[in-house]
């Protein structure tokens, strides 16, 4: 079973993503901030990470940078309510940039694309 980390400071988003992805057959771990996400990445074998950009303590962009330095092959999807971050050079290291929506089909399709092997 593929293991996914969902890192978002909003509990409702963590719950929604977790439930939807579990229904798709994935094992899901959640983190409420960037620091916690990095701790999980360092100790858990993961297949994919979904990161919010605006989080306390450490932004998703900073977490992305640190993940890619240590685990360059680990796919990371950025998920944000703000489309303007898409132009930020720091987001370009992610596999995909998704704007949050109540319709999770784009998110689930992106996860399937990056976990297809």
N, C-alpha and C. Protein backbone atom coordinates (compact mmCIF):
# COMPACT_ATOMS: atom_id res chain seq x y z
N UNK A 1 0.84 -1.18 0.00
CA UNK A 1 0.00 0.00 0.00
C UNK A 1 0.89 1.24 0.00
N UNK A 2 0.60 2.18 -0.89
CA UNK A 2 1.38 3.42 -1.00
C UNK A 2 1.07 4.32 0.19
N UNK A 3 2.13 4.97 0.72
CA UNK A 3 1.98 5.82 1.91
C UNK A 3 2.15 7.28 1.53
N UNK A 4 1.18 8.10 1.96
CA UNK A 4 1.14 9.52 1.63
C UNK A 4 1.15 10.34 2.92
N UNK A 5 1.93 11.41 2.92
CA UNK A 5 1.90 12.38 4.01
C UNK A 5 1.11 13.59 3.54
N UNK A 6 0.12 13.99 4.34
CA UNK A 6 -0.65 15.22 4.09
C UNK A 6 -0.26 16.21 5.18
N UNK A 7 0.35 17.33 4.79
CA UNK A 7 0.76 18.35 5.75
C UNK A 7 -0.03 19.63 5.49
N UNK A 8 -0.87 19.99 6.44
CA UNK A 8 -1.71 21.18 6.32
C UNK A 8 -2.05 21.65 7.72
N UNK A 9 -2.04 22.96 7.95
CA UNK A 9 -2.35 23.48 9.29
C UNK A 9 -3.85 23.47 9.59
N UNK A 10 -4.68 23.30 8.58
CA UNK A 10 -6.13 23.24 8.80
C UNK A 10 -6.58 21.81 9.03
N UNK A 11 -7.12 21.55 10.22
CA UNK A 11 -7.55 20.20 10.56
C UNK A 11 -8.60 19.68 9.58
N UNK A 12 -9.52 20.54 9.14
CA UNK A 12 -10.58 20.10 8.23
C UNK A 12 -10.00 19.60 6.90
N UNK A 13 -8.96 20.26 6.41
CA UNK A 13 -8.30 19.84 5.17
C UNK A 13 -7.59 18.51 5.38
N UNK A 14 -6.87 18.40 6.50
CA UNK A 14 -6.16 17.13 6.79
C UNK A 14 -7.16 15.98 6.84
N UNK A 15 -8.28 16.20 7.51
CA UNK A 15 -9.30 15.15 7.61
C UNK A 15 -9.91 14.81 6.26
N UNK A 16 -10.26 15.83 5.50
CA UNK A 16 -10.88 15.62 4.19
C UNK A 16 -9.93 14.86 3.26
N UNK A 17 -8.70 15.34 3.13
CA UNK A 17 -7.73 14.68 2.25
C UNK A 17 -7.46 13.26 2.72
N UNK A 18 -7.29 13.09 4.03
CA UNK A 18 -7.00 11.78 4.59
C UNK A 18 -8.11 10.79 4.28
N UNK A 19 -9.34 11.18 4.54
CA UNK A 19 -10.47 10.27 4.30
C UNK A 19 -10.61 9.94 2.82
N UNK A 20 -10.51 10.94 1.97
CA UNK A 20 -10.66 10.72 0.52
C UNK A 20 -9.55 9.81 -0.01
N UNK A 21 -8.32 10.03 0.44
CA UNK A 21 -7.20 9.23 -0.05
C UNK A 21 -7.23 7.81 0.52
N UNK A 22 -7.71 7.66 1.75
CA UNK A 22 -7.87 6.31 2.32
C UNK A 22 -8.90 5.53 1.51
N UNK A 23 -9.98 6.21 1.09
CA UNK A 23 -11.00 5.56 0.25
C UNK A 23 -10.41 5.11 -1.08
N UNK A 24 -9.36 5.80 -1.54
CA UNK A 24 -8.69 5.44 -2.80
C UNK A 24 -7.70 4.29 -2.59
N UNK A 25 -7.52 3.88 -1.32
CA UNK A 25 -6.65 2.74 -1.05
C UNK A 25 -5.25 3.09 -0.57
N UNK A 26 -5.03 4.33 -0.16
CA UNK A 26 -3.70 4.74 0.30
C UNK A 26 -3.63 4.75 1.82
N UNK A 27 -2.44 4.55 2.35
CA UNK A 27 -2.15 4.72 3.76
C UNK A 27 -1.78 6.19 3.94
N UNK A 28 -2.45 6.90 4.85
CA UNK A 28 -2.25 8.34 4.97
C UNK A 28 -1.79 8.72 6.38
N UNK A 29 -0.75 9.53 6.44
CA UNK A 29 -0.24 10.11 7.69
C UNK A 29 -0.45 11.61 7.56
N UNK A 30 -0.75 12.30 8.66
CA UNK A 30 -0.96 13.75 8.59
C UNK A 30 0.02 14.49 9.51
N UNK A 31 0.28 15.74 9.13
CA UNK A 31 1.11 16.64 9.93
C UNK A 31 0.42 18.01 9.94
N UNK A 32 0.50 18.71 11.06
CA UNK A 32 -0.19 19.99 11.18
C UNK A 32 0.71 21.19 10.90
N UNK A 33 2.02 20.96 10.68
CA UNK A 33 2.92 22.06 10.34
C UNK A 33 4.15 21.51 9.63
N UNK A 34 4.97 22.42 9.12
CA UNK A 34 6.13 22.03 8.34
C UNK A 34 7.17 21.27 9.12
N UNK A 35 7.40 21.67 10.36
CA UNK A 35 8.40 21.01 11.19
C UNK A 35 8.00 19.55 11.44
N UNK A 36 6.74 19.35 11.76
CA UNK A 36 6.23 17.99 11.98
C UNK A 36 6.33 17.17 10.68
N UNK A 37 6.05 17.80 9.55
CA UNK A 37 6.15 17.11 8.26
C UNK A 37 7.57 16.62 8.01
N UNK A 38 8.56 17.47 8.27
CA UNK A 38 9.96 17.08 8.07
C UNK A 38 10.36 15.93 8.99
N UNK A 39 9.87 15.95 10.23
CA UNK A 39 10.16 14.86 11.16
C UNK A 39 9.61 13.55 10.62
N UNK A 40 8.38 13.57 10.09
CA UNK A 40 7.76 12.37 9.55
C UNK A 40 8.52 11.88 8.31
N UNK A 41 8.88 12.81 7.43
CA UNK A 41 9.62 12.44 6.21
C UNK A 41 10.94 11.76 6.57
N UNK A 42 11.59 12.22 7.64
CA UNK A 42 12.89 11.66 8.02
C UNK A 42 12.79 10.26 8.63
N UNK A 43 11.62 9.89 9.15
CA UNK A 43 11.51 8.58 9.82
C UNK A 43 10.59 7.58 9.14
N UNK A 44 9.74 8.03 8.23
CA UNK A 44 8.78 7.14 7.57
C UNK A 44 9.12 6.96 6.10
N UNK A 45 9.07 5.73 5.60
CA UNK A 45 9.22 5.56 4.14
C UNK A 45 7.92 6.01 3.46
N UNK A 46 8.00 7.06 2.68
CA UNK A 46 6.82 7.64 2.04
C UNK A 46 6.91 7.49 0.53
N UNK A 47 5.73 7.48 -0.11
CA UNK A 47 5.66 7.41 -1.56
C UNK A 47 5.31 8.76 -2.18
N UNK A 48 4.70 9.66 -1.36
CA UNK A 48 4.27 10.96 -1.88
C UNK A 48 3.98 11.88 -0.71
N UNK A 49 4.19 13.18 -0.91
CA UNK A 49 3.88 14.19 0.11
C UNK A 49 2.98 15.25 -0.52
N UNK A 50 1.93 15.63 0.22
CA UNK A 50 1.06 16.74 -0.18
C UNK A 50 1.26 17.84 0.86
N UNK A 51 1.72 19.00 0.40
CA UNK A 51 2.07 20.10 1.31
C UNK A 51 1.20 21.33 1.07
N UNK A 52 0.70 21.89 2.15
CA UNK A 52 0.09 23.21 2.11
C UNK A 52 1.26 24.21 2.05
N UNK A 53 1.04 25.37 1.48
CA UNK A 53 2.12 26.37 1.42
C UNK A 53 2.15 27.24 2.66
N UNK A 54 1.00 27.75 3.08
CA UNK A 54 0.97 28.65 4.24
C UNK A 54 0.73 27.84 5.51
N UNK A 55 1.82 27.59 6.25
CA UNK A 55 1.73 26.86 7.51
C UNK A 55 2.57 27.59 8.56
N UNK A 56 2.22 27.42 9.84
CA UNK A 56 3.02 28.04 10.90
C UNK A 56 4.38 27.37 11.03
N UNK A 57 5.31 28.06 11.62
CA UNK A 57 6.67 27.60 11.91
C UNK A 57 7.55 27.52 10.67
N UNK A 58 7.04 26.95 9.59
CA UNK A 58 7.85 26.76 8.39
C UNK A 58 6.89 26.64 7.20
N UNK A 59 7.13 27.43 6.16
CA UNK A 59 6.23 27.39 5.01
C UNK A 59 6.41 26.09 4.23
N UNK A 60 5.39 25.75 3.46
CA UNK A 60 5.47 24.58 2.60
C UNK A 60 6.59 24.68 1.60
N UNK A 61 6.91 25.90 1.16
CA UNK A 61 8.00 26.08 0.20
C UNK A 61 9.33 25.72 0.84
N UNK A 62 9.53 26.11 2.10
CA UNK A 62 10.76 25.75 2.82
C UNK A 62 10.82 24.24 3.06
N UNK A 63 9.68 23.64 3.42
CA UNK A 63 9.63 22.19 3.62
C UNK A 63 9.96 21.47 2.31
N UNK A 64 9.37 21.94 1.21
CA UNK A 64 9.65 21.37 -0.11
C UNK A 64 11.14 21.41 -0.41
N UNK A 65 11.77 22.55 -0.17
CA UNK A 65 13.20 22.70 -0.44
C UNK A 65 14.01 21.67 0.36
N UNK A 66 13.70 21.53 1.64
CA UNK A 66 14.44 20.59 2.49
C UNK A 66 14.19 19.13 2.08
N UNK A 67 12.95 18.81 1.71
CA UNK A 67 12.65 17.45 1.26
C UNK A 67 13.44 17.14 -0.01
N UNK A 68 13.42 18.06 -0.97
CA UNK A 68 14.10 17.82 -2.25
C UNK A 68 15.62 17.74 -2.10
N UNK A 69 16.18 18.43 -1.10
CA UNK A 69 17.62 18.32 -0.85
C UNK A 69 17.99 16.92 -0.38
N UNK A 70 17.17 16.34 0.50
CA UNK A 70 17.49 15.04 1.09
C UNK A 70 16.89 13.87 0.32
N UNK A 71 15.72 14.08 -0.26
CA UNK A 71 14.99 13.00 -0.95
C UNK A 71 14.53 13.50 -2.32
N UNK A 72 15.45 13.68 -3.24
CA UNK A 72 15.08 14.30 -4.53
C UNK A 72 14.06 13.50 -5.35
N UNK A 73 13.94 12.20 -5.09
CA UNK A 73 13.01 11.37 -5.86
C UNK A 73 11.62 11.25 -5.23
N UNK A 74 11.45 11.82 -4.04
CA UNK A 74 10.14 11.76 -3.37
C UNK A 74 9.21 12.79 -4.00
N UNK A 75 8.10 12.35 -4.62
CA UNK A 75 7.19 13.31 -5.25
C UNK A 75 6.49 14.18 -4.20
N UNK A 76 6.44 15.47 -4.47
CA UNK A 76 5.78 16.43 -3.58
C UNK A 76 4.78 17.23 -4.39
N UNK A 77 3.53 17.26 -3.92
CA UNK A 77 2.48 18.07 -4.52
C UNK A 77 2.22 19.24 -3.59
N UNK A 78 2.22 20.44 -4.11
CA UNK A 78 1.85 21.61 -3.31
C UNK A 78 0.37 21.87 -3.48
N UNK A 79 -0.29 22.14 -2.37
CA UNK A 79 -1.72 22.40 -2.37
C UNK A 79 -1.95 23.70 -1.62
N UNK A 80 -2.53 24.68 -2.29
CA UNK A 80 -2.71 25.97 -1.66
C UNK A 80 -4.04 26.58 -2.06
N UNK A 81 -4.57 27.40 -1.19
CA UNK A 81 -5.78 28.14 -1.51
C UNK A 81 -5.45 29.36 -2.37
N UNK A 82 -4.15 29.63 -2.52
CA UNK A 82 -3.70 30.84 -3.21
C UNK A 82 -2.99 30.50 -4.51
N UNK A 83 -3.57 30.88 -5.62
CA UNK A 83 -2.97 30.57 -6.92
C UNK A 83 -1.73 31.41 -7.20
N UNK A 84 -1.58 32.57 -6.53
CA UNK A 84 -0.45 33.46 -6.83
C UNK A 84 0.90 32.85 -6.46
N UNK A 85 0.94 31.87 -5.56
CA UNK A 85 2.21 31.24 -5.21
C UNK A 85 2.77 30.42 -6.37
N UNK A 86 1.93 30.11 -7.33
CA UNK A 86 2.37 29.32 -8.49
C UNK A 86 3.52 30.01 -9.23
N UNK A 87 3.56 31.34 -9.15
CA UNK A 87 4.62 32.10 -9.82
C UNK A 87 5.91 32.17 -8.99
N UNK A 88 5.85 31.74 -7.73
CA UNK A 88 7.02 31.77 -6.86
C UNK A 88 8.02 30.70 -7.31
N UNK A 89 9.24 31.12 -7.59
CA UNK A 89 10.27 30.21 -8.06
C UNK A 89 10.44 29.01 -7.13
N UNK A 90 10.24 29.21 -5.83
CA UNK A 90 10.40 28.14 -4.86
C UNK A 90 9.44 26.99 -5.03
N UNK A 91 8.31 27.22 -5.69
CA UNK A 91 7.32 26.16 -5.88
C UNK A 91 7.65 25.26 -7.06
N UNK A 92 8.58 25.67 -7.90
CA UNK A 92 8.85 24.95 -9.14
C UNK A 92 9.48 23.58 -8.92
N UNK A 93 10.03 23.33 -7.74
CA UNK A 93 10.64 22.03 -7.46
C UNK A 93 9.58 20.95 -7.19
N UNK A 94 8.35 21.37 -6.97
CA UNK A 94 7.29 20.40 -6.72
C UNK A 94 6.87 19.73 -8.03
N UNK A 95 6.30 18.55 -7.90
CA UNK A 95 5.81 17.84 -9.09
C UNK A 95 4.57 18.52 -9.66
N UNK A 96 3.72 19.03 -8.77
CA UNK A 96 2.51 19.73 -9.22
C UNK A 96 2.10 20.77 -8.18
N UNK A 97 1.40 21.78 -8.67
CA UNK A 97 0.85 22.84 -7.82
C UNK A 97 -0.66 22.79 -8.01
N UNK A 98 -1.38 22.51 -6.94
CA UNK A 98 -2.83 22.38 -7.01
C UNK A 98 -3.49 23.46 -6.15
N UNK A 99 -4.51 24.09 -6.70
CA UNK A 99 -5.27 25.07 -5.94
C UNK A 99 -6.38 24.30 -5.22
N UNK A 100 -6.48 24.53 -3.89
CA UNK A 100 -7.47 23.81 -3.09
C UNK A 100 -8.88 24.05 -3.62
N UNK A 101 -9.66 22.99 -3.55
CA UNK A 101 -11.03 23.04 -4.04
C UNK A 101 -11.85 22.02 -3.25
N UNK A 102 -13.15 22.22 -3.19
CA UNK A 102 -14.00 21.22 -2.53
C UNK A 102 -14.11 19.96 -3.39
N UNK A 103 -13.82 20.09 -4.67
CA UNK A 103 -13.79 18.95 -5.58
C UNK A 103 -12.37 18.40 -5.60
N UNK A 104 -12.20 17.21 -5.07
CA UNK A 104 -10.86 16.65 -4.93
C UNK A 104 -10.43 15.79 -6.11
N UNK A 105 -11.15 15.83 -7.20
CA UNK A 105 -10.79 15.00 -8.36
C UNK A 105 -9.41 15.36 -8.92
N UNK A 106 -9.07 16.65 -8.98
CA UNK A 106 -7.75 17.05 -9.47
C UNK A 106 -6.65 16.51 -8.56
N UNK A 107 -6.87 16.61 -7.26
CA UNK A 107 -5.90 16.11 -6.29
C UNK A 107 -5.73 14.60 -6.45
N UNK A 108 -6.83 13.87 -6.48
CA UNK A 108 -6.76 12.41 -6.59
C UNK A 108 -6.12 11.99 -7.91
N UNK A 109 -6.42 12.71 -8.98
CA UNK A 109 -5.81 12.39 -10.29
C UNK A 109 -4.30 12.64 -10.25
N UNK A 110 -3.88 13.72 -9.59
CA UNK A 110 -2.45 14.02 -9.46
C UNK A 110 -1.75 12.94 -8.64
N UNK A 111 -2.37 12.51 -7.56
CA UNK A 111 -1.80 11.45 -6.73
C UNK A 111 -1.65 10.18 -7.56
N UNK A 112 -2.69 9.81 -8.30
CA UNK A 112 -2.61 8.61 -9.15
C UNK A 112 -1.49 8.71 -10.17
N UNK A 113 -1.36 9.88 -10.79
CA UNK A 113 -0.30 10.09 -11.80
C UNK A 113 1.09 9.85 -11.23
N UNK A 114 1.32 10.33 -10.01
CA UNK A 114 2.66 10.25 -9.44
C UNK A 114 2.93 8.95 -8.69
N UNK A 115 1.88 8.15 -8.48
CA UNK A 115 2.06 6.86 -7.81
C UNK A 115 1.75 5.69 -8.74
N UNK A 116 1.74 5.93 -10.03
CA UNK A 116 1.29 4.90 -10.98
C UNK A 116 2.20 3.68 -11.08
N UNK A 117 3.46 3.81 -10.67
CA UNK A 117 4.37 2.66 -10.83
C UNK A 117 4.11 1.57 -9.82
